[in-house]
Amino acid sequence: GVERELVTDAHFEKYIGSDVMLRLIRPKDKVRDFSGKMISYESGNI
């Protein structure tokens, strides 16, 4: 689909520079959903 889920490291690396939306398992400052441009991905860190 268009709003495809990124799963593997290769998926994340391929879409650096793309707009993404993510949901945290545990909220950060009471917020779980974020969106923006993925500017980096390395060793599982987004």
ModelCIF file with pLDDT and N, C-alpha, C, O atoms, coordinates in Angstrom:
data_MODEL
#
_entry.id   MODEL 
#
_entity.id                         1 
_entity.type                       polymer 
_entity.pdbx_number_of_molecules   1 
#
_entity_poly.entity_id                      1 
_entity_poly.type                           'polypeptide(L)' 
_entity_poly.nstd_linkage                   no 
_entity_poly.nstd_monomer                   no 
_entity_poly.pdbx_seq_one_letter_code       GVERELVTDAHFEKYIGSDVMLRLIRPKDKVRDFSGKMISYESGNI 
_entity_poly.pdbx_seq_one_letter_code_can   GVERELVTDAHFEKYIGSDVMLRLIRPKDKVRDFSGKMISYESGNI 
_entity_poly.pdbx_strand_id                 A 
#
loop_
_entity_poly_seq.entity_id 
_entity_poly_seq.num 
_entity_poly_seq.mon_id 
_entity_poly_seq.hetero 
1 1  GLY n 
1 2  VAL n 
1 3  GLU n 
1 4  ARG n 
1 5  GLU n 
1 6  LEU n 
1 7  VAL n 
1 8  THR n 
1 9  ASP n 
1 10 ALA n 
1 11 HIS n 
1 12 PHE n 
1 13 GLU n 
1 14 LYS n 
1 15 TYR n 
1 16 ILE n 
1 17 GLY n 
1 18 SER n 
1 19 ASP n 
1 20 VAL n 
1 21 MET n 
1 22 LEU n 
1 23 ARG n 
1 24 LEU n 
1 25 ILE n 
1 26 ARG n 
1 27 PRO n 
1 28 LYS n 
1 29 ASP n 
1 30 LYS n 
1 31 VAL n 
1 32 ARG n 
1 33 ASP n 
1 34 PHE n 
1 35 SER n 
1 36 GLY n 
1 37 LYS n 
1 38 MET n 
1 39 ILE n 
1 40 SER n 
1 41 TYR n 
1 42 GLU n 
1 43 SER n 
1 44 GLY n 
1 45 ASN n 
1 46 ILE n 
#
_struct_asym.id          A 
_struct_asym.entity_id   1 
#
loop_
_ma_qa_metric.id 
_ma_qa_metric.mode 
_ma_qa_metric.name 
_ma_qa_metric.software_group_id 
_ma_qa_metric.type 
1 global pLDDT . pLDDT 
2 local  pLDDT . pLDDT 
#
_ma_qa_metric_global.metric_id      1 
_ma_qa_metric_global.metric_value   94.15 
_ma_qa_metric_global.model_id       1 
_ma_qa_metric_global.ordinal_id     1 
#
loop_
_ma_qa_metric_local.label_asym_id 
_ma_qa_metric_local.label_comp_id 
_ma_qa_metric_local.label_seq_id 
_ma_qa_metric_local.metric_id 
_ma_qa_metric_local.metric_value 
_ma_qa_metric_local.model_id 
_ma_qa_metric_local.ordinal_id 
A GLY 1  2 87.00 1 1  
A VAL 2  2 82.00 1 2  
A GLU 3  2 83.00 1 3  
A ARG 4  2 90.00 1 4  
A GLU 5  2 93.00 1 5  
A LEU 6  2 95.00 1 6  
A VAL 7  2 92.00 1 7  
A THR 8  2 92.00 1 8  
A ASP 9  2 94.00 1 9  
A ALA 10 2 92.00 1 10 
A HIS 11 2 93.00 1 11 
A PHE 12 2 96.00 1 12 
A GLU 13 2 95.00 1 13 
A LYS 14 2 92.00 1 14 
A TYR 15 2 93.00 1 15 
A ILE 16 2 96.00 1 16 
A GLY 17 2 96.00 1 17 
A SER 18 2 94.00 1 18 
A ASP 19 2 95.00 1 19 
A VAL 20 2 96.00 1 20 
A MET 21 2 95.00 1 21 
A LEU 22 2 96.00 1 22 
A ARG 23 2 97.00 1 23 
A LEU 24 2 97.00 1 24 
A ILE 25 2 97.00 1 25 
A ARG 26 2 96.00 1 26 
A PRO 27 2 94.00 1 27 
A LYS 28 2 92.00 1 28 
A ASP 29 2 91.00 1 29 
A LYS 30 2 95.00 1 30 
A VAL 31 2 95.00 1 31 
A ARG 32 2 96.00 1 32 
A ASP 33 2 96.00 1 33 
A PHE 34 2 96.00 1 34 
A SER 35 2 95.00 1 35 
A GLY 36 2 96.00 1 36 
A LYS 37 2 97.00 1 37 
A MET 38 2 97.00 1 38 
A ILE 39 2 97.00 1 39 
A SER 40 2 97.00 1 40 
A TYR 41 2 97.00 1 41 
A GLU 42 2 95.00 1 42 
A SER 43 2 92.00 1 43 
A GLY 44 2 94.00 1 44 
A ASN 45 2 97.00 1 45 
A ILE 46 2 98.00 1 46 
#
loop_
_atom_site.group_PDB 
_atom_site.id 
_atom_site.type_symbol 
_atom_site.label_atom_id 
_atom_site.label_alt_id 
_atom_site.label_comp_id 
_atom_site.label_asym_id 
_atom_site.label_entity_id 
_atom_site.label_seq_id 
_atom_site.pdbx_PDB_ins_code 
_atom_site.Cartn_x 
_atom_site.Cartn_y 
_atom_site.Cartn_z 
_atom_site.occupancy 
_atom_site.B_iso_or_equiv 
_atom_site.pdbx_formal_charge 
_atom_site.auth_seq_id 
_atom_site.auth_comp_id 
_atom_site.auth_asym_id 
_atom_site.auth_atom_id 
_atom_site.pdbx_PDB_model_num 
ATOM 1   N N  . GLY A 1 1  ? 0.804  -1.212 0.000  1.00 87.00 ? 1  GLY A N  1 
ATOM 2   C CA . GLY A 1 1  ? 0.000  0.000  0.000  1.00 87.00 ? 1  GLY A CA 1 
ATOM 3   C C  . GLY A 1 1  ? 0.842  1.270  0.000  1.00 87.00 ? 1  GLY A C  1 
ATOM 4   O O  . GLY A 1 1  ? 2.064  1.229  0.150  1.00 87.00 ? 1  GLY A O  1 
ATOM 5   N N  . VAL A 1 2  ? 0.167  2.383  -0.169 1.00 82.00 ? 2  VAL A N  1 
ATOM 6   C CA . VAL A 1 2  ? 0.844  3.676  -0.242 1.00 82.00 ? 2  VAL A CA 1 
ATOM 7   C C  . VAL A 1 2  ? 1.455  4.031  1.108  1.00 82.00 ? 2  VAL A C  1 
ATOM 8   O O  . VAL A 1 2  ? 2.615  4.437  1.181  1.00 82.00 ? 2  VAL A O  1 
ATOM 9   N N  . GLU A 1 3  ? 0.682  3.879  2.163  1.00 83.00 ? 3  GLU A N  1 
ATOM 10  C CA . GLU A 1 3  ? 1.199  4.173  3.504  1.00 83.00 ? 3  GLU A CA 1 
ATOM 11  C C  . GLU A 1 3  ? 1.777  2.894  4.102  1.00 83.00 ? 3  GLU A C  1 
ATOM 12  O O  . GLU A 1 3  ? 1.368  2.436  5.169  1.00 83.00 ? 3  GLU A O  1 
ATOM 13  N N  . ARG A 1 4  ? 2.747  2.333  3.373  1.00 90.00 ? 4  ARG A N  1 
ATOM 14  C CA . ARG A 1 4  ? 3.334  1.051  3.750  1.00 90.00 ? 4  ARG A CA 1 
ATOM 15  C C  . ARG A 1 4  ? 4.112  1.133  5.053  1.00 90.00 ? 4  ARG A C  1 
ATOM 16  O O  . ARG A 1 4  ? 4.747  2.141  5.363  1.00 90.00 ? 4  ARG A O  1 
ATOM 17  N N  . GLU A 1 5  ? 4.043  0.048  5.802  1.00 93.00 ? 5  GLU A N  1 
ATOM 18  C CA . GLU A 1 5  ? 4.783  -0.032 7.057  1.00 93.00 ? 5  GLU A CA 1 
ATOM 19  C C  . GLU A 1 5  ? 6.236  -0.374 6.744  1.00 93.00 ? 5  GLU A C  1 
ATOM 20  O O  . GLU A 1 5  ? 6.520  -1.289 5.971  1.00 93.00 ? 5  GLU A O  1 
ATOM 21  N N  . LEU A 1 6  ? 7.143  0.367  7.353  1.00 95.00 ? 6  LEU A N  1 
ATOM 22  C CA . LEU A 1 6  ? 8.566  0.090  7.216  1.00 95.00 ? 6  LEU A CA 1 
ATOM 23  C C  . LEU A 1 6  ? 8.919  -0.966 8.258  1.00 95.00 ? 6  LEU A C  1 
ATOM 24  O O  . LEU A 1 6  ? 8.648  -0.789 9.446  1.00 95.00 ? 6  LEU A O  1 
ATOM 25  N N  . VAL A 1 7  ? 9.524  -2.064 7.809  1.00 92.00 ? 7  VAL A N  1 
ATOM 26  C CA . VAL A 1 7  ? 9.765  -3.190 8.696  1.00 92.00 ? 7  VAL A CA 1 
ATOM 27  C C  . VAL A 1 7  ? 11.255 -3.502 8.826  1.00 92.00 ? 7  VAL A C  1 
ATOM 28  O O  . VAL A 1 7  ? 11.773 -3.600 9.939  1.00 92.00 ? 7  VAL A O  1 
ATOM 29  N N  . THR A 1 8  ? 11.937 -3.658 7.711  1.00 92.00 ? 8  THR A N  1 
ATOM 30  C CA . THR A 1 8  ? 13.340 -4.073 7.737  1.00 92.00 ? 8  THR A CA 1 
ATOM 31  C C  . THR A 1 8  ? 14.272 -2.860 7.717  1.00 92.00 ? 8  THR A C  1 
ATOM 32  O O  . THR A 1 8  ? 13.860 -1.747 7.390  1.00 92.00 ? 8  THR A O  1 
ATOM 33  N N  . ASP A 1 9  ? 15.522 -3.098 8.070  1.00 94.00 ? 9  ASP A N  1 
ATOM 34  C CA . ASP A 1 9  ? 16.521 -2.029 7.994  1.00 94.00 ? 9  ASP A CA 1 
ATOM 35  C C  . ASP A 1 9  ? 16.593 -1.458 6.574  1.00 94.00 ? 9  ASP A C  1 
ATOM 36  O O  . ASP A 1 9  ? 16.728 -0.249 6.392  1.00 94.00 ? 9  ASP A O  1 
ATOM 37  N N  . ALA A 1 10 ? 16.501 -2.340 5.571  1.00 92.00 ? 10 ALA A N  1 
ATOM 38  C CA . ALA A 1 10 ? 16.549 -1.882 4.177  1.00 92.00 ? 10 ALA A CA 1 
ATOM 39  C C  . ALA A 1 10 ? 15.397 -0.938 3.858  1.00 92.00 ? 10 ALA A C  1 
ATOM 40  O O  . ALA A 1 10 ? 15.586 0.029  3.120  1.00 92.00 ? 10 ALA A O  1 
ATOM 41  N N  . HIS A 1 11 ? 14.212 -1.195 4.396  1.00 93.00 ? 11 HIS A N  1 
ATOM 42  C CA . HIS A 1 11 ? 13.070 -0.300 4.184  1.00 93.00 ? 11 HIS A CA 1 
ATOM 43  C C  . HIS A 1 11 ? 13.384 1.084  4.739  1.00 93.00 ? 11 HIS A C  1 
ATOM 44  O O  . HIS A 1 11 ? 13.166 2.093  4.068  1.00 93.00 ? 11 HIS A O  1 
ATOM 45  N N  . PHE A 1 12 ? 13.896 1.127  5.968  1.00 96.00 ? 12 PHE A N  1 
ATOM 46  C CA . PHE A 1 12 ? 14.197 2.416  6.604  1.00 96.00 ? 12 PHE A CA 1 
ATOM 47  C C  . PHE A 1 12 ? 15.273 3.163  5.816  1.00 96.00 ? 12 PHE A C  1 
ATOM 48  O O  . PHE A 1 12 ? 15.146 4.363  5.576  1.00 96.00 ? 12 PHE A O  1 
ATOM 49  N N  . GLU A 1 13 ? 16.314 2.466  5.421  1.00 95.00 ? 13 GLU A N  1 
ATOM 50  C CA . GLU A 1 13 ? 17.407 3.102  4.683  1.00 95.00 ? 13 GLU A CA 1 
ATOM 51  C C  . GLU A 1 13 ? 16.927 3.631  3.331  1.00 95.00 ? 13 GLU A C  1 
ATOM 52  O O  . GLU A 1 13 ? 17.347 4.704  2.898  1.00 95.00 ? 13 GLU A O  1 
ATOM 53  N N  . LYS A 1 14 ? 16.058 2.887  2.674  1.00 92.00 ? 14 LYS A N  1 
ATOM 54  C CA . LYS A 1 14 ? 15.537 3.285  1.365  1.00 92.00 ? 14 LYS A CA 1 
ATOM 55  C C  . LYS A 1 14 ? 14.711 4.571  1.444  1.00 92.00 ? 14 LYS A C  1 
ATOM 56  O O  . LYS A 1 14 ? 14.701 5.361  0.500  1.00 92.00 ? 14 LYS A O  1 
ATOM 57  N N  . TYR A 1 15 ? 14.025 4.778  2.559  1.00 93.00 ? 15 TYR A N  1 
ATOM 58  C CA . TYR A 1 15 ? 13.098 5.901  2.654  1.00 93.00 ? 15 TYR A CA 1 
ATOM 59  C C  . TYR A 1 15 ? 13.586 7.054  3.540  1.00 93.00 ? 15 TYR A C  1 
ATOM 60  O O  . TYR A 1 15 ? 12.782 7.867  3.998  1.00 93.00 ? 15 TYR A O  1 
ATOM 61  N N  . ILE A 1 16 ? 14.907 7.126  3.782  1.00 96.00 ? 16 ILE A N  1 
ATOM 62  C CA . ILE A 1 16 ? 15.455 8.310  4.457  1.00 96.00 ? 16 ILE A CA 1 
ATOM 63  C C  . ILE A 1 16 ? 15.127 9.515  3.576  1.00 96.00 ? 16 ILE A C  1 
ATOM 64  O O  . ILE A 1 16 ? 15.316 9.473  2.360  1.00 96.00 ? 16 ILE A O  1 
ATOM 65  N N  . GLY A 1 17 ? 14.642 10.572 4.189  1.00 96.00 ? 17 GLY A N  1 
ATOM 66  C CA . GLY A 1 17 ? 14.234 11.765 3.445  1.00 96.00 ? 17 GLY A CA 1 
ATOM 67  C C  . GLY A 1 17 ? 12.742 11.784 3.140  1.00 96.00 ? 17 GLY A C  1 
ATOM 68  O O  . GLY A 1 17 ? 12.231 12.775 2.618  1.00 96.00 ? 17 GLY A O  1 
ATOM 69  N N  . SER A 1 18 ? 12.042 10.708 3.458  1.00 94.00 ? 18 SER A N  1 
ATOM 70  C CA . SER A 1 18 ? 10.601 10.619 3.201  1.00 94.00 ? 18 SER A CA 1 
ATOM 71  C C  . SER A 1 18 ? 9.804  11.005 4.440  1.00 94.00 ? 18 SER A C  1 
ATOM 72  O O  . SER A 1 18 ? 10.292 10.929 5.568  1.00 94.00 ? 18 SER A O  1 
ATOM 73  N N  . ASP A 1 19 ? 8.568  11.421 4.198  1.00 95.00 ? 19 ASP A N  1 
ATOM 74  C CA . ASP A 1 19 ? 7.653  11.706 5.301  1.00 95.00 ? 19 ASP A CA 1 
ATOM 75  C C  . ASP A 1 19 ? 7.169  10.387 5.891  1.00 95.00 ? 19 ASP A C  1 
ATOM 76  O O  . ASP A 1 19 ? 6.784  9.470  5.165  1.00 95.00 ? 19 ASP A O  1 
ATOM 77  N N  . VAL A 1 20 ? 7.195  10.307 7.218  1.00 96.00 ? 20 VAL A N  1 
ATOM 78  C CA . VAL A 1 20 ? 6.750  9.108  7.918  1.00 96.00 ? 20 VAL A CA 1 
ATOM 79  C C  . VAL A 1 20 ? 5.828  9.492  9.067  1.00 96.00 ? 20 VAL A C  1 
ATOM 80  O O  . VAL A 1 20 ? 5.830  10.629 9.541  1.00 96.00 ? 20 VAL A O  1 
ATOM 81  N N  . MET A 1 21 ? 5.049  8.521  9.496  1.00 95.00 ? 21 MET A N  1 
ATOM 82  C CA . MET A 1 21 ? 4.265  8.670  10.718 1.00 95.00 ? 21 MET A CA 1 
ATOM 83  C C  . MET A 1 21 ? 4.614  7.470  11.585 1.00 95.00 ? 21 MET A C  1 
ATOM 84  O O  . MET A 1 21 ? 4.789  6.357  11.089 1.00 95.00 ? 21 MET A O  1 
ATOM 85  N N  . LEU A 1 22 ? 4.712  7.712  12.874 1.00 96.00 ? 22 LEU A N  1 
ATOM 86  C CA . LEU A 1 22 ? 5.044  6.614  13.776 1.00 96.00 ? 22 LEU A CA 1 
ATOM 87  C C  . LEU A 1 22 ? 4.227  6.704  15.042 1.00 96.00 ? 22 LEU A C  1 
ATOM 88  O O  . LEU A 1 22 ? 3.787  7.777  15.457 1.00 96.00 ? 22 LEU A O  1 
ATOM 89  N N  . ARG A 1 23 ? 4.039  5.558  15.635 1.00 97.00 ? 23 ARG A N  1 
ATOM 90  C CA . ARG A 1 23 ? 3.323  5.466  16.912 1.00 97.00 ? 23 ARG A CA 1 
ATOM 91  C C  . ARG A 1 23 ? 4.270  4.803  17.912 1.00 97.00 ? 23 ARG A C  1 
ATOM 92  O O  . ARG A 1 23 ? 4.823  3.734  17.654 1.00 97.00 ? 23 ARG A O  1 
ATOM 93  N N  . LEU A 1 24 ? 4.441  5.454  19.041 1.00 97.00 ? 24 LEU A N  1 
ATOM 94  C CA . LEU A 1 24 ? 5.270  4.908  20.110 1.00 97.00 ? 24 LEU A CA 1 
ATOM 95  C C  . LEU A 1 24 ? 4.483  3.904  20.937 1.00 97.00 ? 24 LEU A C  1 
ATOM 96  O O  . LEU A 1 24 ? 3.269  4.036  21.092 1.00 97.00 ? 24 LEU A O  1 
ATOM 97  N N  . ILE A 1 25 ? 5.159  2.919  21.457 1.00 97.00 ? 25 ILE A N  1 
ATOM 98  C CA . ILE A 1 25 ? 4.525  1.958  22.358 1.00 97.00 ? 25 ILE A CA 1 
ATOM 99  C C  . ILE A 1 25 ? 4.146  2.664  23.660 1.00 97.00 ? 25 ILE A C  1 
ATOM 100 O O  . ILE A 1 25 ? 3.038  2.495  24.169 1.00 97.00 ? 25 ILE A O  1 
ATOM 101 N N  . ARG A 1 26 ? 5.074  3.450  24.187 1.00 96.00 ? 26 ARG A N  1 
ATOM 102 C CA . ARG A 1 26 ? 4.822  4.241  25.388 1.00 96.00 ? 26 ARG A CA 1 
ATOM 103 C C  . ARG A 1 26 ? 4.900  5.720  25.023 1.00 96.00 ? 26 ARG A C  1 
ATOM 104 O O  . ARG A 1 26 ? 5.845  6.139  24.354 1.00 96.00 ? 26 ARG A O  1 
ATOM 105 N N  . PRO A 1 27 ? 3.930  6.510  25.447 1.00 94.00 ? 27 PRO A N  1 
ATOM 106 C CA . PRO A 1 27 ? 3.917  7.937  25.084 1.00 94.00 ? 27 PRO A CA 1 
ATOM 107 C C  . PRO A 1 27 ? 5.167  8.670  25.562 1.00 94.00 ? 27 PRO A C  1 
ATOM 108 O O  . PRO A 1 27 ? 5.764  8.333  26.585 1.00 94.00 ? 27 PRO A O  1 
ATOM 109 N N  . LYS A 1 28 ? 5.539  9.681  24.785 1.00 92.00 ? 28 LYS A N  1 
ATOM 110 C CA . LYS A 1 28 ? 6.626  10.582 25.156 1.00 92.00 ? 28 LYS A CA 1 
ATOM 111 C C  . LYS A 1 28 ? 5.974  11.944 25.381 1.00 92.00 ? 28 LYS A C  1 
ATOM 112 O O  . LYS A 1 28 ? 5.392  12.515 24.459 1.00 92.00 ? 28 LYS A O  1 
ATOM 113 N N  . ASP A 1 29 ? 6.069  12.461 26.594 1.00 91.00 ? 29 ASP A N  1 
ATOM 114 C CA . ASP A 1 29 ? 5.395  13.712 26.965 1.00 91.00 ? 29 ASP A CA 1 
ATOM 115 C C  . ASP A 1 29 ? 3.900  13.639 26.643 1.00 91.00 ? 29 ASP A C  1 
ATOM 116 O O  . ASP A 1 29 ? 3.310  14.596 26.142 1.00 91.00 ? 29 ASP A O  1 
ATOM 117 N N  . LYS A 1 30 ? 3.302  12.475 26.943 1.00 95.00 ? 30 LYS A N  1 
ATOM 118 C CA . LYS A 1 30 ? 1.864  12.225 26.764 1.00 95.00 ? 30 LYS A CA 1 
ATOM 119 C C  . LYS A 1 30 ? 1.421  12.145 25.296 1.00 95.00 ? 30 LYS A C  1 
ATOM 120 O O  . LYS A 1 30 ? 0.226  12.199 25.005 1.00 95.00 ? 30 LYS A O  1 
ATOM 121 N N  . VAL A 1 31 ? 2.376  12.019 24.381 1.00 95.00 ? 31 VAL A N  1 
ATOM 122 C CA . VAL A 1 31 ? 2.060  11.919 22.949 1.00 95.00 ? 31 VAL A CA 1 
ATOM 123 C C  . VAL A 1 31 ? 2.603  10.596 22.416 1.00 95.00 ? 31 VAL A C  1 
ATOM 124 O O  . VAL A 1 31 ? 3.745  10.224 22.687 1.00 95.00 ? 31 VAL A O  1 
ATOM 125 N N  . ARG A 1 32 ? 1.758  9.886  21.646 1.00 96.00 ? 32 ARG A N  1 
ATOM 126 C CA . ARG A 1 32 ? 2.189  8.609  21.055 1.00 96.00 ? 32 ARG A CA 1 
ATOM 127 C C  . ARG A 1 32 ? 2.392  8.685  19.550 1.00 96.00 ? 32 ARG A C  1 
ATOM 128 O O  . ARG A 1 32 ? 3.196  7.933  18.998 1.00 96.00 ? 32 ARG A O  1 
ATOM 129 N N  . ASP A 1 33 ? 1.674  9.584  18.875 1.00 96.00 ? 33 ASP A N  1 
ATOM 130 C CA . ASP A 1 33 ? 1.723  9.654  17.412 1.00 96.00 ? 33 ASP A CA 1 
ATOM 131 C C  . ASP A 1 33 ? 2.514  10.868 16.953 1.00 96.00 ? 33 ASP A C  1 
ATOM 132 O O  . ASP A 1 33 ? 2.281  11.987 17.410 1.00 96.00 ? 33 ASP A O  1 
ATOM 133 N N  . PHE A 1 34 ? 3.452  10.634 16.042 1.00 96.00 ? 34 PHE A N  1 
ATOM 134 C CA . PHE A 1 34 ? 4.295  11.691 15.500 1.00 96.00 ? 34 PHE A CA 1 
ATOM 135 C C  . PHE A 1 34 ? 4.383  11.532 13.993 1.00 96.00 ? 34 PHE A C  1 
ATOM 136 O O  . PHE A 1 34 ? 4.230  10.432 13.463 1.00 96.00 ? 34 PHE A O  1 
ATOM 137 N N  . SER A 1 35 ? 4.629  12.640 13.308 1.00 95.00 ? 35 SER A N  1 
ATOM 138 C CA . SER A 1 35 ? 4.892  12.567 11.877 1.00 95.00 ? 35 SER A CA 1 
ATOM 139 C C  . SER A 1 35 ? 5.922  13.625 11.527 1.00 95.00 ? 35 SER A C  1 
ATOM 140 O O  . SER A 1 35 ? 6.036  14.659 12.185 1.00 95.00 ? 35 SER A O  1 
ATOM 141 N N  . GLY A 1 36 ? 6.663  13.334 10.475 1.00 96.00 ? 36 GLY A N  1 
ATOM 142 C CA . GLY A 1 36 ? 7.696  14.255 10.021 1.00 96.00 ? 36 GLY A CA 1 
ATOM 143 C C  . GLY A 1 36 ? 8.564  13.587 8.977  1.00 96.00 ? 36 GLY A C  1 
ATOM 144 O O  . GLY A 1 36 ? 8.245  12.504 8.486  1.00 96.00 ? 36 GLY A O  1 
ATOM 145 N N  . LYS A 1 37 ? 9.657  14.236 8.645  1.00 97.00 ? 37 LYS A N  1 
ATOM 146 C CA . LYS A 1 37 ? 10.583 13.717 7.635  1.00 97.00 ? 37 LYS A CA 1 
ATOM 147 C C  . LYS A 1 37 ? 11.653 12.878 8.329  1.00 97.00 ? 37 LYS A C  1 
ATOM 148 O O  . LYS A 1 37 ? 12.316 13.353 9.252  1.00 97.00 ? 37 LYS A O  1 
ATOM 149 N N  . MET A 1 38 ? 11.821 11.630 7.886  1.00 97.00 ? 38 MET A N  1 
ATOM 150 C CA . MET A 1 38 ? 12.863 10.788 8.458  1.00 97.00 ? 38 MET A CA 1 
ATOM 151 C C  . MET A 1 38 ? 14.206 11.273 7.910  1.00 97.00 ? 38 MET A C  1 
ATOM 152 O O  . MET A 1 38 ? 14.464 11.196 6.709  1.00 97.00 ? 38 MET A O  1 
ATOM 153 N N  . ILE A 1 39 ? 15.042 11.767 8.798  1.00 97.00 ? 39 ILE A N  1 
ATOM 154 C CA . ILE A 1 39 ? 16.318 12.326 8.343  1.00 97.00 ? 39 ILE A CA 1 
ATOM 155 C C  . ILE A 1 39 ? 17.496 11.396 8.594  1.00 97.00 ? 39 ILE A C  1 
ATOM 156 O O  . ILE A 1 39 ? 18.587 11.608 8.065  1.00 97.00 ? 39 ILE A O  1 
ATOM 157 N N  . SER A 1 40 ? 17.269 10.354 9.410  1.00 97.00 ? 40 SER A N  1 
ATOM 158 C CA . SER A 1 40 ? 18.363 9.434  9.686  1.00 97.00 ? 40 SER A CA 1 
ATOM 159 C C  . SER A 1 40 ? 17.818 8.105  10.193 1.00 97.00 ? 40 SER A C  1 
ATOM 160 O O  . SER A 1 40 ? 16.781 8.042  10.854 1.00 97.00 ? 40 SER A O  1 
ATOM 161 N N  . TYR A 1 41 ? 18.552 7.049  9.861  1.00 97.00 ? 41 TYR A N  1 
ATOM 162 C CA . TYR A 1 41 ? 18.274 5.733  10.423 1.00 97.00 ? 41 TYR A CA 1 
ATOM 163 C C  . TYR A 1 41 ? 19.601 5.004  10.538 1.00 97.00 ? 41 TYR A C  1 
ATOM 164 O O  . TYR A 1 41 ? 20.315 4.826  9.551  1.00 97.00 ? 41 TYR A O  1 
ATOM 165 N N  . GLU A 1 42 ? 19.922 4.585  11.756 1.00 95.00 ? 42 GLU A N  1 
ATOM 166 C CA . GLU A 1 42 ? 21.176 3.863  11.958 1.00 95.00 ? 42 GLU A CA 1 
ATOM 167 C C  . GLU A 1 42 ? 21.049 2.961  13.174 1.00 95.00 ? 42 GLU A C  1 
ATOM 168 O O  . GLU A 1 42 ? 20.672 3.416  14.254 1.00 95.00 ? 42 GLU A O  1 
ATOM 169 N N  . SER A 1 43 ? 21.360 1.689  13.001 1.00 92.00 ? 43 SER A N  1 
ATOM 170 C CA . SER A 1 43 ? 21.333 0.705  14.088 1.00 92.00 ? 43 SER A CA 1 
ATOM 171 C C  . SER A 1 43 ? 20.006 0.704  14.842 1.00 92.00 ? 43 SER A C  1 
ATOM 172 O O  . SER A 1 43 ? 19.989 0.586  16.067 1.00 92.00 ? 43 SER A O  1 
ATOM 173 N N  . GLY A 1 44 ? 18.904 0.833  14.125 1.00 94.00 ? 44 GLY A N  1 
ATOM 174 C CA . GLY A 1 44 ? 17.585 0.802  14.737 1.00 94.00 ? 44 GLY A CA 1 
ATOM 175 C C  . GLY A 1 44 ? 17.121 2.134  15.288 1.00 94.00 ? 44 GLY A C  1 
ATOM 176 O O  . GLY A 1 44 ? 15.991 2.239  15.767 1.00 94.00 ? 44 GLY A O  1 
ATOM 177 N N  . ASN A 1 45 ? 17.968 3.158  15.233 1.00 97.00 ? 45 ASN A N  1 
ATOM 178 C CA . ASN A 1 45 ? 17.595 4.472  15.745 1.00 97.00 ? 45 ASN A CA 1 
ATOM 179 C C  . ASN A 1 45 ? 17.051 5.338  14.610 1.00 97.00 ? 45 ASN A C  1 
ATOM 180 O O  . ASN A 1 45 ? 17.708 5.526  13.586 1.00 97.00 ? 45 ASN A O  1 
ATOM 181 N N  . ILE A 1 46 ? 15.854 5.856  14.806 1.00 98.00 ? 46 ILE A N  1 
ATOM 182 C CA . ILE A 1 46 ? 15.164 6.674  13.808 1.00 98.00 ? 46 ILE A CA 1 
ATOM 183 C C  . ILE A 1 46 ? 15.169 8.120  14.281 1.00 98.00 ? 46 ILE A C  1 
ATOM 184 O O  . ILE A 1 46 ? 14.641 8.995  13.596 1.00 98.00 ? 46 ILE A O  1 
#
